Amino acid sequence: MSVQSSAPKAAGSFGETIEHGRFVTTDDPQLQFVLIEIKLGITFVQRALNAYYSGHDEHGDSAKANAIKALKSAKRFINVLDTAGQQAARAELPKLEQALKALA
């Protein structure tokens, strides 16, 4: 698997990783799973913030709990990735960790 952090290019072989916009994309299903968990966690953080700002604390707490589950899931499965996949996932993981800090 090759990991690319500069200009995007077309994926050519299985396991090739491409940075697309703010997130890395890949055709490696295991890495896709971890990256989706990170993106999903960030979405839950956004939903929690919106809920808290709207006065819906129960919904905010639920979304926050789901964001934490997504973080734990991503961390758990990083170890099954190859070295390049681990590097790509660990580069994205701080985005979710920082987002969760906004809810503290």
C-alpha atoms as a PDB file:
ATOM      1  CA  MET A   1       0.000   0.000   0.000  1.00  0.00           C
ATOM      2  CA  SER A   2       1.277   3.444  -0.778  1.00  0.00           C
ATOM      3  CA  VAL A   3       0.276   6.428   1.301  1.00  0.00           C
ATOM      4  CA  GLN A   4       0.145   9.817  -0.299  1.00  0.00           C
ATOM      5  CA  SER A   5      -0.125  13.036   1.636  1.00  0.00           C
ATOM      6  CA  SER A   6       0.399  15.588  -1.092  1.00  0.00           C
ATOM      7  CA  ALA A   7      -1.527  16.093  -4.333  1.00  0.00           C
ATOM      8  CA  PRO A   8      -4.253  13.514  -5.023  1.00  0.00           C
ATOM      9  CA  LYS A   9      -3.858  11.021  -7.849  1.00  0.00           C
ATOM     10  CA  ALA A  10      -5.987   8.235  -9.219  1.00  0.00           C
ATOM     11  CA  ALA A  11      -5.924   4.942  -7.350  1.00  0.00           C
ATOM     12  CA  GLY A  12      -4.298   2.235  -9.386  1.00  0.00           C
ATOM     13  CA  SER A  13      -3.906  -0.870  -7.250  1.00  0.00           C
ATOM     14  CA  PHE A  14      -5.562  -2.445  -4.266  1.00  0.00           C
ATOM     15  CA  GLY A  15      -4.489  -0.800  -1.048  1.00  0.00           C
ATOM     16  CA  GLU A  16      -3.455   2.502  -2.573  1.00  0.00           C
ATOM     17  CA  THR A  17      -4.298   5.431  -0.340  1.00  0.00           C
ATOM     18  CA  ILE A  18      -5.165   8.912  -1.541  1.00  0.00           C
ATOM     19  CA  GLU A  19      -5.712  12.094   0.409  1.00  0.00           C
ATOM     20  CA  HIS A  20      -8.968  13.604  -0.806  1.00  0.00           C
ATOM     21  CA  GLY A  21      -9.993  16.917   0.685  1.00  0.00           C
ATOM     22  CA  ARG A  22      -9.706  16.732   4.442  1.00  0.00           C
ATOM     23  CA  PHE A  23      -9.651  12.942   4.746  1.00  0.00           C
ATOM     24  CA  VAL A  24      -7.665  10.075   3.319  1.00  0.00           C
ATOM     25  CA  THR A  25      -9.498   7.640   1.066  1.00  0.00           C
ATOM     26  CA  THR A  26      -8.343   4.143   0.139  1.00  0.00           C
ATOM     27  CA  ASP A  27      -9.464   0.951  -1.511  1.00  0.00           C
ATOM     28  CA  ASP A  28      -8.184  -1.158   1.421  1.00  0.00           C
ATOM     29  CA  PRO A  29     -11.394  -2.269   3.187  1.00  0.00           C
ATOM     30  CA  GLN A  30      -9.784  -2.468   6.631  1.00  0.00           C
ATOM     31  CA  LEU A  31      -8.373   1.035   6.355  1.00  0.00           C
ATOM     32  CA  GLN A  32     -11.692   2.243   4.947  1.00  0.00           C
ATOM     33  CA  PHE A  33     -13.424   0.907   8.050  1.00  0.00           C
ATOM     34  CA  VAL A  34     -11.091   2.769  10.409  1.00  0.00           C
ATOM     35  CA  LEU A  35     -11.329   6.011   8.424  1.00  0.00           C
ATOM     36  CA  ILE A  36     -15.118   5.778   8.293  1.00  0.00           C
ATOM     37  CA  GLU A  37     -15.216   5.276  12.066  1.00  0.00           C
ATOM     38  CA  ILE A  38     -13.161   8.465  12.463  1.00  0.00           C
ATOM     39  CA  LYS A  39     -15.428  10.413  10.096  1.00  0.00           C
ATOM     40  CA  LEU A  40     -18.507   9.017  11.822  1.00  0.00           C
ATOM     41  CA  GLY A  41     -17.150  10.033  15.208  1.00  0.00           C
ATOM     42  CA  ILE A  42     -16.600  13.593  13.983  1.00  0.00           C
ATOM     43  CA  THR A  43     -20.163  13.651  12.655  1.00  0.00           C
ATOM     44  CA  PHE A  44     -21.441  12.543  16.069  1.00  0.00           C
ATOM     45  CA  VAL A  45     -19.425  15.323  17.724  1.00  0.00           C
ATOM     46  CA  GLN A  46     -21.017  17.847  15.375  1.00  0.00           C
ATOM     47  CA  ARG A  47     -24.470  16.472  16.178  1.00  0.00           C
ATOM     48  CA  ALA A  48     -23.709  16.634  19.898  1.00  0.00           C
ATOM     49  CA  LEU A  49     -22.610  20.259  19.658  1.00  0.00           C
ATOM     50  CA  ASN A  50     -25.757  21.164  17.737  1.00  0.00           C
ATOM     51  CA  ALA A  51     -27.920  19.357  20.267  1.00  0.00           C
ATOM     52  CA  TYR A  52     -26.242  21.036  23.239  1.00  0.00           C
ATOM     53  CA  TYR A  53     -26.552  24.467  21.636  1.00  0.00           C
ATOM     54  CA  SER A  54     -30.236  23.767  20.972  1.00  0.00           C
ATOM     55  CA  GLY A  55     -30.842  22.774  24.589  1.00  0.00           C
ATOM     56  CA  HIS A  56     -31.300  19.069  23.852  1.00  0.00           C
ATOM     57  CA  ASP A  57     -28.833  17.685  26.366  1.00  0.00           C
ATOM     58  CA  GLU A  58     -30.077  14.080  26.131  1.00  0.00           C
ATOM     59  CA  HIS A  59     -29.476  14.016  22.384  1.00  0.00           C
ATOM     60  CA  GLY A  60     -26.102  15.665  22.890  1.00  0.00           C
ATOM     61  CA  ASP A  61     -25.087  13.090  25.486  1.00  0.00           C
ATOM     62  CA  SER A  62     -26.161  10.260  23.177  1.00  0.00           C
ATOM     63  CA  ALA A  63     -24.230  11.661  20.222  1.00  0.00           C
ATOM     64  CA  LYS A  64     -21.180  12.229  22.410  1.00  0.00           C
ATOM     65  CA  ALA A  65     -21.328   8.612  23.618  1.00  0.00           C
ATOM     66  CA  ASN A  66     -21.497   7.433  20.004  1.00  0.00           C
ATOM     67  CA  ALA A  67     -18.491   9.600  19.097  1.00  0.00           C
ATOM     68  CA  ILE A  68     -16.519   8.005  21.934  1.00  0.00           C
ATOM     69  CA  LYS A  69     -17.540   4.529  20.699  1.00  0.00           C
ATOM     70  CA  ALA A  70     -16.324   5.431  17.204  1.00  0.00           C
ATOM     71  CA  LEU A  71     -12.981   6.599  18.621  1.00  0.00           C
ATOM     72  CA  LYS A  72     -12.542   3.389  20.599  1.00  0.00           C
ATOM     73  CA  SER A  73     -13.457   1.310  17.568  1.00  0.00           C
ATOM     74  CA  ALA A  74     -10.973   3.128  15.344  1.00  0.00           C
ATOM     75  CA  LYS A  75      -8.211   2.718  17.925  1.00  0.00           C
ATOM     76  CA  ARG A  76      -9.003  -0.967  18.362  1.00  0.00           C
ATOM     77  CA  PHE A  77      -8.762  -1.752  14.650  1.00  0.00           C
ATOM     78  CA  ILE A  78      -5.708   0.361  13.797  1.00  0.00           C
ATOM     79  CA  ASN A  79      -3.513  -2.534  14.925  1.00  0.00           C
ATOM     80  CA  VAL A  80      -4.855  -4.859  12.194  1.00  0.00           C
ATOM     81  CA  LEU A  81      -3.678  -2.477   9.458  1.00  0.00           C
ATOM     82  CA  ASP A  82      -0.369  -2.726   7.684  1.00  0.00           C
ATOM     83  CA  THR A  83       2.285  -0.115   8.488  1.00  0.00           C
ATOM     84  CA  ALA A  84       1.171   2.356   5.808  1.00  0.00           C
ATOM     85  CA  GLY A  85      -2.467   1.961   6.837  1.00  0.00           C
ATOM     86  CA  GLN A  86      -1.604   2.528  10.480  1.00  0.00           C
ATOM     87  CA  GLN A  87       0.280   5.656   9.526  1.00  0.00           C
ATOM     88  CA  ALA A  88      -2.663   6.961   7.468  1.00  0.00           C
ATOM     89  CA  ALA A  89      -5.183   6.192  10.221  1.00  0.00           C
ATOM     90  CA  ARG A  90      -3.020   7.707  12.949  1.00  0.00           C
ATOM     91  CA  ALA A  91      -2.736  10.867  10.888  1.00  0.00           C
ATOM     92  CA  GLU A  92      -6.552  11.171  10.887  1.00  0.00           C
ATOM     93  CA  LEU A  93      -7.230  10.060  14.467  1.00  0.00           C
ATOM     94  CA  PRO A  94      -6.257  13.388  16.099  1.00  0.00           C
ATOM     95  CA  LYS A  95      -9.093  15.086  14.200  1.00  0.00           C
ATOM     96  CA  LEU A  96     -11.638  13.053  16.163  1.00  0.00           C
ATOM     97  CA  GLU A  97      -9.724  13.385  19.415  1.00  0.00           C
ATOM     98  CA  GLN A  98      -9.608  17.175  19.033  1.00  0.00           C
ATOM     99  CA  ALA A  99     -13.305  17.295  18.142  1.00  0.00           C
ATOM    100  CA  LEU A 100     -14.143  15.325  21.282  1.00  0.00           C
ATOM    101  CA  LYS A 101     -12.155  17.772  23.382  1.00  0.00           C
ATOM    102  CA  ALA A 102     -14.589  20.466  22.231  1.00  0.00           C
ATOM    103  CA  LEU A 103     -17.316  18.562  24.105  1.00  0.00           C
ATOM    104  CA  ALA A 104     -15.390  18.309  27.388  1.00  0.00           C
END
